[in-house]
Amino acid sequence: MIDEAIKTVSQPSGVTAGAFLRSIAFLSEPENDDRVPVSLFLTALQCAAQFGDNITPMRELVALALYRRTGRPRKTGHEPYEDFITDSANWSQYLKENGDIQHHPGP
């Protein structure tokens, strides 16, 4: 199942929004951390745009997984679900500046 989910996210041509979202949700689960590279989540953020700007749950799921995996602090002073970054270019820059983190050990 994980291989199918990785393929869906990395090669989303012809994939439905529902299948893409299910794959992201599955890959974002903590038990898959050792098998899913952070770079795949960057790909997911980039590809989510093909489903339209109004499909924010995709980008939100990916962002939450990236925050958990990298330990990046969330923005402060914002409403819930407005306090995290869903822009792939921003995440790419963050990872370059922080040594391309693959997994943060947690608190």
PDB file of N, CA and C in Angstrom:
ATOM      1  N   MET A   1       0.814  -1.199   0.000  1.00  0.00           N
ATOM      2  CA  MET A   1       0.000   0.000   0.000  1.00  0.00           C
ATOM      3  C   MET A   1       0.856   1.262   0.000  1.00  0.00           C
ATOM      4  N   ILE A   2       1.975   1.233   0.738  1.00  0.00           N
ATOM      5  CA  ILE A   2       2.799   2.439   0.804  1.00  0.00           C
ATOM      6  C   ILE A   2       3.406   2.758  -0.560  1.00  0.00           C
ATOM      7  N   ASP A   3       3.801   1.740  -1.306  1.00  0.00           N
ATOM      8  CA  ASP A   3       4.374   1.983  -2.631  1.00  0.00           C
ATOM      9  C   ASP A   3       3.353   2.631  -3.557  1.00  0.00           C
ATOM     10  N   GLU A   4       2.117   2.178  -3.470  1.00  0.00           N
ATOM     11  CA  GLU A   4       1.047   2.761  -4.286  1.00  0.00           C
ATOM     12  C   GLU A   4       0.803   4.218  -3.894  1.00  0.00           C
ATOM     13  N   ALA A   5       0.800   4.512  -2.604  1.00  0.00           N
ATOM     14  CA  ALA A   5       0.593   5.881  -2.134  1.00  0.00           C
ATOM     15  C   ALA A   5       1.737   6.791  -2.572  1.00  0.00           C
ATOM     16  N   ILE A   6       2.967   6.296  -2.491  1.00  0.00           N
ATOM     17  CA  ILE A   6       4.118   7.081  -2.946  1.00  0.00           C
ATOM     18  C   ILE A   6       4.006   7.369  -4.440  1.00  0.00           C
ATOM     19  N   LYS A   7       3.620   6.371  -5.207  1.00  0.00           N
ATOM     20  CA  LYS A   7       3.469   6.575  -6.654  1.00  0.00           C
ATOM     21  C   LYS A   7       2.372   7.589  -6.947  1.00  0.00           C
ATOM     22  N   THR A   8       1.266   7.515  -6.232  1.00  0.00           N
ATOM     23  CA  THR A   8       0.155   8.449  -6.435  1.00  0.00           C
ATOM     24  C   THR A   8       0.605   9.886  -6.199  1.00  0.00           C
ATOM     25  N   VAL A   9       1.394  10.104  -5.162  1.00  0.00           N
ATOM     26  CA  VAL A   9       1.841  11.458  -4.834  1.00  0.00           C
ATOM     27  C   VAL A   9       2.950  11.923  -5.770  1.00  0.00           C
ATOM     28  N   SER A  10       3.857  11.031  -6.126  1.00  0.00           N
ATOM     29  CA  SER A  10       4.995  11.440  -6.949  1.00  0.00           C
ATOM     30  C   SER A  10       4.661  11.509  -8.435  1.00  0.00           C
ATOM     31  N   GLN A  11       3.598  10.826  -8.857  1.00  0.00           N
ATOM     32  CA  GLN A  11       3.182  10.840 -10.263  1.00  0.00           C
ATOM     33  C   GLN A  11       1.666  11.011 -10.325  1.00  0.00           C
ATOM     34  N   PRO A  12       1.169  12.209 -10.001  1.00  0.00           N
ATOM     35  CA  PRO A  12      -0.280  12.390  -9.848  1.00  0.00           C
ATOM     36  C   PRO A  12      -1.077  12.600 -11.141  1.00  0.00           C
ATOM     37  N   SER A  13      -0.432  12.507 -12.267  1.00  0.00           N
ATOM     38  CA  SER A  13      -1.157  12.702 -13.519  1.00  0.00           C
ATOM     39  C   SER A  13      -2.283  11.673 -13.648  1.00  0.00           C
ATOM     40  N   GLY A  14      -3.502  12.154 -13.846  1.00  0.00           N
ATOM     41  CA  GLY A  14      -4.657  11.279 -13.990  1.00  0.00           C
ATOM     42  C   GLY A  14      -5.236  10.778 -12.689  1.00  0.00           C
ATOM     43  N   VAL A  15      -4.689  11.210 -11.566  1.00  0.00           N
ATOM     44  CA  VAL A  15      -5.158  10.781 -10.243  1.00  0.00           C
ATOM     45  C   VAL A  15      -6.283  11.714  -9.791  1.00  0.00           C
ATOM     46  N   THR A  16      -7.294  11.167  -9.155  1.00  0.00           N
ATOM     47  CA  THR A  16      -8.373  12.011  -8.630  1.00  0.00           C
ATOM     48  C   THR A  16      -7.915  12.731  -7.366  1.00  0.00           C
ATOM     49  N   ALA A  17      -8.600  13.818  -7.047  1.00  0.00           N
ATOM     50  CA  ALA A  17      -8.283  14.566  -5.831  1.00  0.00           C
ATOM     51  C   ALA A  17      -8.456  13.677  -4.601  1.00  0.00           C
ATOM     52  N   GLY A  18      -9.484  12.842  -4.594  1.00  0.00           N
ATOM     53  CA  GLY A  18      -9.729  11.953  -3.466  1.00  0.00           C
ATOM     54  C   GLY A  18      -8.605  10.950  -3.265  1.00  0.00           C
ATOM     55  N   ALA A  19      -8.117  10.367  -4.349  1.00  0.00           N
ATOM     56  CA  ALA A  19      -7.022   9.401  -4.259  1.00  0.00           C
ATOM     57  C   ALA A  19      -5.742  10.083  -3.789  1.00  0.00           C
ATOM     58  N   PHE A  20      -5.505  11.295  -4.265  1.00  0.00           N
ATOM     59  CA  PHE A  20      -4.322  12.051  -3.849  1.00  0.00           C
ATOM     60  C   PHE A  20      -4.397  12.360  -2.356  1.00  0.00           C
ATOM     61  N   LEU A  21      -5.566  12.820  -1.899  1.00  0.00           N
ATOM     62  CA  LEU A  21      -5.756  13.154  -0.491  1.00  0.00           C
ATOM     63  C   LEU A  21      -5.604  11.916   0.407  1.00  0.00           C
ATOM     64  N   ARG A  22      -6.169  10.800  -0.006  1.00  0.00           N
ATOM     65  CA  ARG A  22      -6.026   9.549   0.775  1.00  0.00           C
ATOM     66  C   ARG A  22      -4.564   9.134   0.873  1.00  0.00           C
ATOM     67  N   SER A  23      -3.833   9.277  -0.221  1.00  0.00           N
ATOM     68  CA  SER A  23      -2.413   8.913  -0.221  1.00  0.00           C
ATOM     69  C   SER A  23      -1.620   9.817   0.709  1.00  0.00           C
ATOM     70  N   ILE A  24      -1.902  11.121   0.664  1.00  0.00           N
ATOM     71  CA  ILE A  24      -1.217  12.056   1.549  1.00  0.00           C
ATOM     72  C   ILE A  24      -1.520  11.705   3.013  1.00  0.00           C
ATOM     73  N   ALA A  25      -2.772  11.449   3.300  1.00  0.00           N
ATOM     74  CA  ALA A  25      -3.158  11.119   4.677  1.00  0.00           C
ATOM     75  C   ALA A  25      -2.418   9.866   5.156  1.00  0.00           C
ATOM     76  N   PHE A  26      -2.344   8.861   4.314  1.00  0.00           N
ATOM     77  CA  PHE A  26      -1.661   7.620   4.670  1.00  0.00           C
ATOM     78  C   PHE A  26      -0.165   7.853   4.880  1.00  0.00           C
ATOM     79  N   LEU A  27       0.466   8.563   3.949  1.00  0.00           N
ATOM     80  CA  LEU A  27       1.907   8.800   4.030  1.00  0.00           C
ATOM     81  C   LEU A  27       2.290   9.707   5.197  1.00  0.00           C
ATOM     82  N   SER A  28       1.355  10.538   5.637  1.00  0.00           N
ATOM     83  CA  SER A  28       1.609  11.474   6.733  1.00  0.00           C
ATOM     84  C   SER A  28       1.572  10.822   8.106  1.00  0.00           C
ATOM     85  N   GLU A  29       1.102   9.600   8.190  1.00  0.00           N
ATOM     86  CA  GLU A  29       1.020   8.913   9.475  1.00  0.00           C
ATOM     87  C   GLU A  29       2.423   8.683  10.045  1.00  0.00           C
ATOM     88  N   PRO A  30       2.609   8.931  11.348  1.00  0.00           N
ATOM     89  CA  PRO A  30       3.934   8.778  11.967  1.00  0.00           C
ATOM     90  C   PRO A  30       4.580   7.406  11.745  1.00  0.00           C
ATOM     91  N   GLU A  31       3.790   6.361  11.669  1.00  0.00           N
ATOM     92  CA  GLU A  31       4.380   5.030  11.487  1.00  0.00           C
ATOM     93  C   GLU A  31       5.049   4.859  10.123  1.00  0.00           C
ATOM     94  N   ASN A  32       4.810   5.801   9.203  1.00  0.00           N
ATOM     95  CA  ASN A  32       5.440   5.726   7.884  1.00  0.00           C
ATOM     96  C   ASN A  32       6.678   6.615   7.765  1.00  0.00           C
ATOM     97  N   ASP A  33       7.062   7.286   8.834  1.00  0.00           N
ATOM     98  CA  ASP A  33       8.182   8.229   8.781  1.00  0.00           C
ATOM     99  C   ASP A  33       9.460   7.622   8.213  1.00  0.00           C
ATOM    100  N   ASP A  34       9.771   6.410   8.607  1.00  0.00           N
ATOM    101  CA  ASP A  34      11.020   5.791   8.152  1.00  0.00           C
ATOM    102  C   ASP A  34      11.006   5.417   6.674  1.00  0.00           C
ATOM    103  N   ARG A  35       9.837   5.383   6.075  1.00  0.00           N
ATOM    104  CA  ARG A  35       9.726   4.945   4.679  1.00  0.00           C
ATOM    105  C   ARG A  35       9.372   6.072   3.714  1.00  0.00           C
ATOM    106  N   VAL A  36       9.081   7.258   4.243  1.00  0.00           N
ATOM    107  CA  VAL A  36       8.654   8.373   3.393  1.00  0.00           C
ATOM    108  C   VAL A  36       9.627   9.538   3.568  1.00  0.00           C
ATOM    109  N   PRO A  37      10.365   9.884   2.501  1.00  0.00           N
ATOM    110  CA  PRO A  37      11.300  11.005   2.615  1.00  0.00           C
ATOM    111  C   PRO A  37      10.563  12.342   2.678  1.00  0.00           C
ATOM    112  N   VAL A  38      11.155  13.284   3.384  1.00  0.00           N
ATOM    113  CA  VAL A  38      10.572  14.627   3.481  1.00  0.00           C
ATOM    114  C   VAL A  38      10.384  15.226   2.091  1.00  0.00           C
ATOM    115  N   SER A  39      11.284  14.920   1.170  1.00  0.00           N
ATOM    116  CA  SER A  39      11.188  15.472  -0.194  1.00  0.00           C
ATOM    117  C   SER A  39       9.871  15.098  -0.872  1.00  0.00           C
ATOM    118  N   LEU A  40       9.285  13.969  -0.510  1.00  0.00           N
ATOM    119  CA  LEU A  40       8.004  13.582  -1.107  1.00  0.00           C
ATOM    120  C   LEU A  40       6.896  14.539  -0.677  1.00  0.00           C
ATOM    121  N   PHE A  41       6.995  15.066   0.543  1.00  0.00           N
ATOM    122  CA  PHE A  41       6.001  16.025   1.003  1.00  0.00           C
ATOM    123  C   PHE A  41       6.134  17.352   0.251  1.00  0.00           C
ATOM    124  N   LEU A  42       7.358  17.723  -0.123  1.00  0.00           N
ATOM    125  CA  LEU A  42       7.527  18.919  -0.963  1.00  0.00           C
ATOM    126  C   LEU A  42       6.870  18.697  -2.323  1.00  0.00           C
ATOM    127  N   THR A  43       7.069  17.523  -2.874  1.00  0.00           N
ATOM    128  CA  THR A  43       6.413  17.173  -4.139  1.00  0.00           C
ATOM    129  C   THR A  43       4.902  17.250  -3.989  1.00  0.00           C
ATOM    130  N   ALA A  44       4.393  16.753  -2.875  1.00  0.00           N
ATOM    131  CA  ALA A  44       2.946  16.773  -2.630  1.00  0.00           C
ATOM    132  C   ALA A  44       2.424  18.207  -2.584  1.00  0.00           C
ATOM    133  N   LEU A  45       3.165  19.115  -1.940  1.00  0.00           N
ATOM    134  CA  LEU A  45       2.728  20.518  -1.906  1.00  0.00           C
ATOM    135  C   LEU A  45       2.692  21.108  -3.301  1.00  0.00           C
ATOM    136  N   GLN A  46       3.691  20.794  -4.105  1.00  0.00           N
ATOM    137  CA  GLN A  46       3.736  21.312  -5.475  1.00  0.00           C
ATOM    138  C   GLN A  46       2.604  20.741  -6.325  1.00  0.00           C
ATOM    139  N   CYS A  47       2.346  19.457  -6.191  1.00  0.00           N
ATOM    140  CA  CYS A  47       1.331  18.791  -7.014  1.00  0.00           C
ATOM    141  C   CYS A  47      -0.095  19.102  -6.571  1.00  0.00           C
ATOM    142  N   ALA A  48      -0.282  19.450  -5.305  1.00  0.00           N
ATOM    143  CA  ALA A  48      -1.627  19.737  -4.803  1.00  0.00           C
ATOM    144  C   ALA A  48      -2.264  20.888  -5.568  1.00  0.00           C
ATOM    145  N   ALA A  49      -1.452  21.779  -6.111  1.00  0.00           N
ATOM    146  CA  ALA A  49      -1.975  22.923  -6.866  1.00  0.00           C
ATOM    147  C   ALA A  49      -2.770  22.484  -8.089  1.00  0.00           C
ATOM    148  N   GLN A  50      -2.471  21.339  -8.639  1.00  0.00           N
ATOM    149  CA  GLN A  50      -3.194  20.887  -9.833  1.00  0.00           C
ATOM    150  C   GLN A  50      -4.665  20.600  -9.547  1.00  0.00           C
ATOM    151  N   PHE A  51      -4.997  20.431  -8.273  1.00  0.00           N
ATOM    152  CA  PHE A  51      -6.378  20.154  -7.907  1.00  0.00           C
ATOM    153  C   PHE A  51      -7.152  21.420  -7.573  1.00  0.00           C
ATOM    154  N   GLY A  52      -6.493  22.558  -7.643  1.00  0.00           N
ATOM    155  CA  GLY A  52      -7.155  23.840  -7.403  1.00  0.00           C
ATOM    156  C   GLY A  52      -6.787  24.439  -6.061  1.00  0.00           C
ATOM    157  N   ASP A  53      -6.831  25.745  -5.998  1.00  0.00           N
ATOM    158  CA  ASP A  53      -6.460  26.457  -4.782  1.00  0.00           C
ATOM    159  C   ASP A  53      -7.460  26.270  -3.659  1.00  0.00           C
ATOM    160  N   ASN A  54      -8.666  25.833  -3.982  1.00  0.00           N
ATOM    161  CA  ASN A  54      -9.672  25.680  -2.930  1.00  0.00           C
ATOM    162  C   ASN A  54      -9.594  24.328  -2.221  1.00  0.00           C
ATOM    163  N   ILE A  55      -8.646  23.499  -2.589  1.00  0.00           N
ATOM    164  CA  ILE A  55      -8.484  22.194  -1.945  1.00  0.00           C
ATOM    165  C   ILE A  55      -7.376  22.318  -0.892  1.00  0.00           C
ATOM    166  N   THR A  56      -7.630  23.072   0.153  1.00  0.00           N
ATOM    167  CA  THR A  56      -6.596  23.302   1.157  1.00  0.00           C
ATOM    168  C   THR A  56      -6.322  22.121   2.075  1.00  0.00           C
ATOM    169  N   PRO A  57      -7.248  21.189   2.316  1.00  0.00           N
ATOM    170  CA  PRO A  57      -6.910  20.075   3.215  1.00  0.00           C
ATOM    171  C   PRO A  57      -5.665  19.305   2.764  1.00  0.00           C
ATOM    172  N   MET A  58      -5.438  19.208   1.467  1.00  0.00           N
ATOM    173  CA  MET A  58      -4.242  18.513   0.987  1.00  0.00           C
ATOM    174  C   MET A  58      -2.988  19.205   1.487  1.00  0.00           C
ATOM    175  N   ARG A  59      -2.919  20.507   1.253  1.00  0.00           N
ATOM    176  CA  ARG A  59      -1.737  21.257   1.666  1.00  0.00           C
ATOM    177  C   ARG A  59      -1.616  21.297   3.190  1.00  0.00           C
ATOM    178  N   GLU A  60      -2.742  21.365   3.885  1.00  0.00           N
ATOM    179  CA  GLU A  60      -2.706  21.398   5.354  1.00  0.00           C
ATOM    180  C   GLU A  60      -2.182  20.089   5.935  1.00  0.00           C
ATOM    181  N   LEU A  61      -2.627  18.966   5.402  1.00  0.00           N
ATOM    182  CA  LEU A  61      -2.121  17.666   5.866  1.00  0.00           C
ATOM    183  C   LEU A  61      -0.618  17.555   5.653  1.00  0.00           C
ATOM    184  N   VAL A  62      -0.170  17.974   4.475  1.00  0.00           N
ATOM    185  CA  VAL A  62       1.257  17.908   4.165  1.00  0.00           C
ATOM    186  C   VAL A  62       2.042  18.827   5.099  1.00  0.00           C
ATOM    187  N   ALA A  63       1.541  20.048   5.293  1.00  0.00           N
ATOM    188  CA  ALA A  63       2.240  20.995   6.172  1.00  0.00           C
ATOM    189  C   ALA A  63       2.342  20.449   7.592  1.00  0.00           C
ATOM    190  N   LEU A  64       1.267  19.885   8.101  1.00  0.00           N
ATOM    191  CA  LEU A  64       1.301  19.324   9.452  1.00  0.00           C
ATOM    192  C   LEU A  64       2.322  18.189   9.557  1.00  0.00           C
ATOM    193  N   ALA A  65       2.404  17.361   8.523  1.00  0.00           N
ATOM    194  CA  ALA A  65       3.402  16.284   8.527  1.00  0.00           C
ATOM    195  C   ALA A  65       4.815  16.865   8.491  1.00  0.00           C
ATOM    196  N   LEU A  66       5.018  17.905   7.695  1.00  0.00           N
ATOM    197  CA  LEU A  66       6.336  18.531   7.621  1.00  0.00           C
ATOM    198  C   LEU A  66       6.728  19.166   8.955  1.00  0.00           C
ATOM    199  N   TYR A  67       5.799  19.858   9.594  1.00  0.00           N
ATOM    200  CA  TYR A  67       6.099  20.434  10.905  1.00  0.00           C
ATOM    201  C   TYR A  67       6.481  19.346  11.901  1.00  0.00           C
ATOM    202  N   ARG A  68       5.734  18.251  11.910  1.00  0.00           N
ATOM    203  CA  ARG A  68       6.020  17.164  12.844  1.00  0.00           C
ATOM    204  C   ARG A  68       7.363  16.528  12.526  1.00  0.00           C
ATOM    205  N   ARG A  69       7.627  16.276  11.252  1.00  0.00           N
ATOM    206  CA  ARG A  69       8.860  15.604  10.857  1.00  0.00           C
ATOM    207  C   ARG A  69      10.101  16.451  11.084  1.00  0.00           C
ATOM    208  N   THR A  70       9.989  17.760  10.882  1.00  0.00           N
ATOM    209  CA  THR A  70      11.168  18.627  10.943  1.00  0.00           C
ATOM    210  C   THR A  70      11.346  19.339  12.274  1.00  0.00           C
ATOM    211  N   GLY A  71      10.280  19.459  13.057  1.00  0.00           N
ATOM    212  CA  GLY A  71      10.355  20.202  14.297  1.00  0.00           C
ATOM    213  C   GLY A  71      10.312  21.712  14.086  1.00  0.00           C
ATOM    214  N   ARG A  72       9.975  22.153  12.882  1.00  0.00           N
ATOM    215  CA  ARG A  72       9.900  23.582  12.590  1.00  0.00           C
ATOM    216  C   ARG A  72       8.815  24.218  13.453  1.00  0.00           C
ATOM    217  N   PRO A  73       9.131  25.345  14.101  1.00  0.00           N
ATOM    218  CA  PRO A  73       8.100  26.006  14.913  1.00  0.00           C
ATOM    219  C   PRO A  73       7.028  26.641  14.023  1.00  0.00           C
ATOM    220  N   ARG A  74       5.806  26.574  14.485  1.00  0.00           N
ATOM    221  CA  ARG A  74       4.708  27.206  13.749  1.00  0.00           C
ATOM    222  C   ARG A  74       4.664  28.687  14.067  1.00  0.00           C
ATOM    223  N   LYS A  75       4.060  29.458  13.167  1.00  0.00           N
ATOM    224  CA  LYS A  75       3.930  30.895  13.378  1.00  0.00           C
ATOM    225  C   LYS A  75       3.065  31.146  14.608  1.00  0.00           C
ATOM    226  N   THR A  76       3.318  32.245  15.288  1.00  0.00           N
ATOM    227  CA  THR A  76       2.527  32.588  16.456  1.00  0.00           C
ATOM    228  C   THR A  76       1.645  33.789  16.142  1.00  0.00           C
ATOM    229  N   GLY A  77       0.589  33.938  16.923  1.00  0.00           N
ATOM    230  CA  GLY A  77      -0.293  35.076  16.769  1.00  0.00           C
ATOM    231  C   GLY A  77      -1.315  34.938  15.670  1.00  0.00           C
ATOM    232  N   HIS A  78      -1.565  33.714  15.215  1.00  0.00           N
ATOM    233  CA  HIS A  78      -2.546  33.477  14.162  1.00  0.00           C
ATOM    234  C   HIS A  78      -3.653  32.560  14.680  1.00  0.00           C
ATOM    235  N   GLU A  79      -4.737  32.550  13.967  1.00  0.00           N
ATOM    236  CA  GLU A  79      -5.834  31.644  14.281  1.00  0.00           C
ATOM    237  C   GLU A  79      -5.420  30.209  13.937  1.00  0.00           C
ATOM    238  N   PRO A  80      -6.041  29.210  14.573  1.00  0.00           N
ATOM    239  CA  PRO A  80      -5.753  27.817  14.200  1.00  0.00           C
ATOM    240  C   PRO A  80      -5.947  27.626  12.686  1.00  0.00           C
ATOM    241  N   TYR A  81      -5.097  26.857  12.108  1.00  0.00           N
ATOM    242  CA  TYR A  81      -5.070  26.555  10.680  1.00  0.00           C
ATOM    243  C   TYR A  81      -4.677  27.753   9.825  1.00  0.00           C
ATOM    244  N   GLU A  82      -4.298  28.858  10.449  1.00  0.00           N
ATOM    245  CA  GLU A  82      -3.689  29.962   9.726  1.00  0.00           C
ATOM    246  C   GLU A  82      -2.256  30.136  10.214  1.00  0.00           C
ATOM    247  N   ASP A  83      -1.836  29.263  11.110  1.00  0.00           N
ATOM    248  CA  ASP A  83      -0.534  29.432  11.735  1.00  0.00           C
ATOM    249  C   ASP A  83       0.552  28.555  11.129  1.00  0.00           C
ATOM    250  N   PHE A  84       0.287  27.935   9.985  1.00  0.00           N
ATOM    251  CA  PHE A  84       1.339  27.150   9.366  1.00  0.00           C
ATOM    252  C   PHE A  84       1.477  27.458   7.888  1.00  0.00           C
ATOM    253  N   ILE A  85       2.653  27.139   7.379  1.00  0.00           N
ATOM    254  CA  ILE A  85       3.040  27.470   6.003  1.00  0.00           C
ATOM    255  C   ILE A  85       2.744  26.285   5.101  1.00  0.00           C
ATOM    256  N   THR A  86       2.074  26.550   3.979  1.00  0.00           N
ATOM    257  CA  THR A  86       1.760  25.499   3.014  1.00  0.00           C
ATOM    258  C   THR A  86       2.433  25.751   1.665  1.00  0.00           C
ATOM    259  N   ASP A  87       3.321  26.712   1.607  1.00  0.00           N
ATOM    260  CA  ASP A  87       4.003  27.068   0.359  1.00  0.00           C
ATOM    261  C   ASP A  87       5.231  26.177   0.160  1.00  0.00           C
ATOM    262  N   SER A  88       5.306  25.485  -0.966  1.00  0.00           N
ATOM    263  CA  SER A  88       6.411  24.542  -1.202  1.00  0.00           C
ATOM    264  C   SER A  88       7.753  25.252  -1.310  1.00  0.00           C
ATOM    265  N   ALA A  89       7.788  26.444  -1.905  1.00  0.00           N
ATOM    266  CA  ALA A  89       9.055  27.175  -2.029  1.00  0.00           C
ATOM    267  C   ALA A  89       9.584  27.569  -0.650  1.00  0.00           C
ATOM    268  N   ASN A  90       8.692  27.976   0.234  1.00  0.00           N
ATOM    269  CA  ASN A  90       9.089  28.333   1.589  1.00  0.00           C
ATOM    270  C   ASN A  90       9.658  27.115   2.315  1.00  0.00           C
ATOM    271  N   TRP A  91       8.986  25.979   2.184  1.00  0.00           N
ATOM    272  CA  TRP A  91       9.466  24.761   2.831  1.00  0.00           C
ATOM    273  C   TRP A  91      10.801  24.312   2.238  1.00  0.00           C
ATOM    274  N   SER A  92      10.942  24.413   0.952  1.00  0.00           N
ATOM    275  CA  SER A  92      12.191  24.026   0.306  1.00  0.00           C
ATOM    276  C   SER A  92      13.347  24.868   0.839  1.00  0.00           C
ATOM    277  N   GLN A  93      13.124  26.167   0.939  1.00  0.00           N
ATOM    278  CA  GLN A  93      14.145  27.065   1.473  1.00  0.00           C
ATOM    279  C   GLN A  93      14.463  26.723   2.928  1.00  0.00           C
ATOM    280  N   TYR A  94      13.430  26.475   3.712  1.00  0.00           N
ATOM    281  CA  TYR A  94      13.631  26.116   5.122  1.00  0.00           C
ATOM    282  C   TYR A  94      14.505  24.863   5.243  1.00  0.00           C
ATOM    283  N   LEU A  95      14.206  23.851   4.442  1.00  0.00           N
ATOM    284  CA  LEU A  95      14.967  22.603   4.514  1.00  0.00           C
ATOM    285  C   LEU A  95      16.412  22.802   4.072  1.00  0.00           C
ATOM    286  N   LYS A  96      16.632  23.637   3.057  1.00  0.00           N
ATOM    287  CA  LYS A  96      18.005  23.938   2.628  1.00  0.00           C
ATOM    288  C   LYS A  96      18.775  24.636   3.743  1.00  0.00           C
ATOM    289  N   GLU A  97      18.125  25.565   4.404  1.00  0.00           N
ATOM    290  CA  GLU A  97      18.780  26.329   5.465  1.00  0.00           C
ATOM    291  C   GLU A  97      19.016  25.506   6.730  1.00  0.00           C
ATOM    292  N   ASN A  98      18.277  24.434   6.888  1.00  0.00           N
ATOM    293  CA  ASN A  98      18.355  23.638   8.117  1.00  0.00           C
ATOM    294  C   ASN A  98      18.873  22.223   7.886  1.00  0.00           C
ATOM    295  N   GLY A  99      19.630  22.049   6.862  1.00  0.00           N
ATOM    296  CA  GLY A  99      20.287  20.757   6.648  1.00  0.00           C
ATOM    297  C   GLY A  99      19.402  19.652   6.126  1.00  0.00           C
ATOM    298  N   ASP A 100      18.321  19.983   5.411  1.00  0.00           N
ATOM    299  CA  ASP A 100      17.444  18.977   4.811  1.00  0.00           C
ATOM    300  C   ASP A 100      17.034  17.925   5.834  1.00  0.00           C
ATOM    301  N   ILE A 101      16.448  18.376   6.908  1.00  0.00           N
ATOM    302  CA  ILE A 101      15.994  17.534   8.017  1.00  0.00           C
ATOM    303  C   ILE A 101      15.093  16.420   7.500  1.00  0.00           C
ATOM    304  N   GLN A 102      15.301  15.205   7.939  1.00  0.00           N
ATOM    305  CA  GLN A 102      14.442  14.096   7.547  1.00  0.00           C
ATOM    306  C   GLN A 102      13.481  13.697   8.670  1.00  0.00           C
ATOM    307  N   HIS A 103      13.927  13.832   9.905  1.00  0.00           N
ATOM    308  CA  HIS A 103      13.039  13.472  11.011  1.00  0.00           C
ATOM    309  C   HIS A 103      13.527  14.153  12.279  1.00  0.00           C
ATOM    310  N   HIS A 104      12.616  14.853  12.921  1.00  0.00           N
ATOM    311  CA  HIS A 104      12.921  15.510  14.184  1.00  0.00           C
ATOM    312  C   HIS A 104      12.568  14.546  15.304  1.00  0.00           C
ATOM    313  N   PRO A 105      13.453  14.398  16.272  1.00  0.00           N
ATOM    314  CA  PRO A 105      13.203  13.408  17.324  1.00  0.00           C
ATOM    315  C   PRO A 105      12.045  13.733  18.251  1.00  0.00           C
ATOM    316  N   GLY A 106      11.492  14.918  18.152  1.00  0.00           N
ATOM    317  CA  GLY A 106      10.346  15.270  19.002  1.00  0.00           C
ATOM    318  C   GLY A 106      10.790  15.970  20.269  1.00  0.00           C
ATOM    319  N   PRO A 107       9.798  16.372  21.098  1.00  0.00           N
ATOM    320  CA  PRO A 107      10.132  17.129  22.300  1.00  0.00           C
ATOM    321  C   PRO A 107      10.880  16.305  23.338  1.00  0.00           C
TER     322      PRO A 107
END
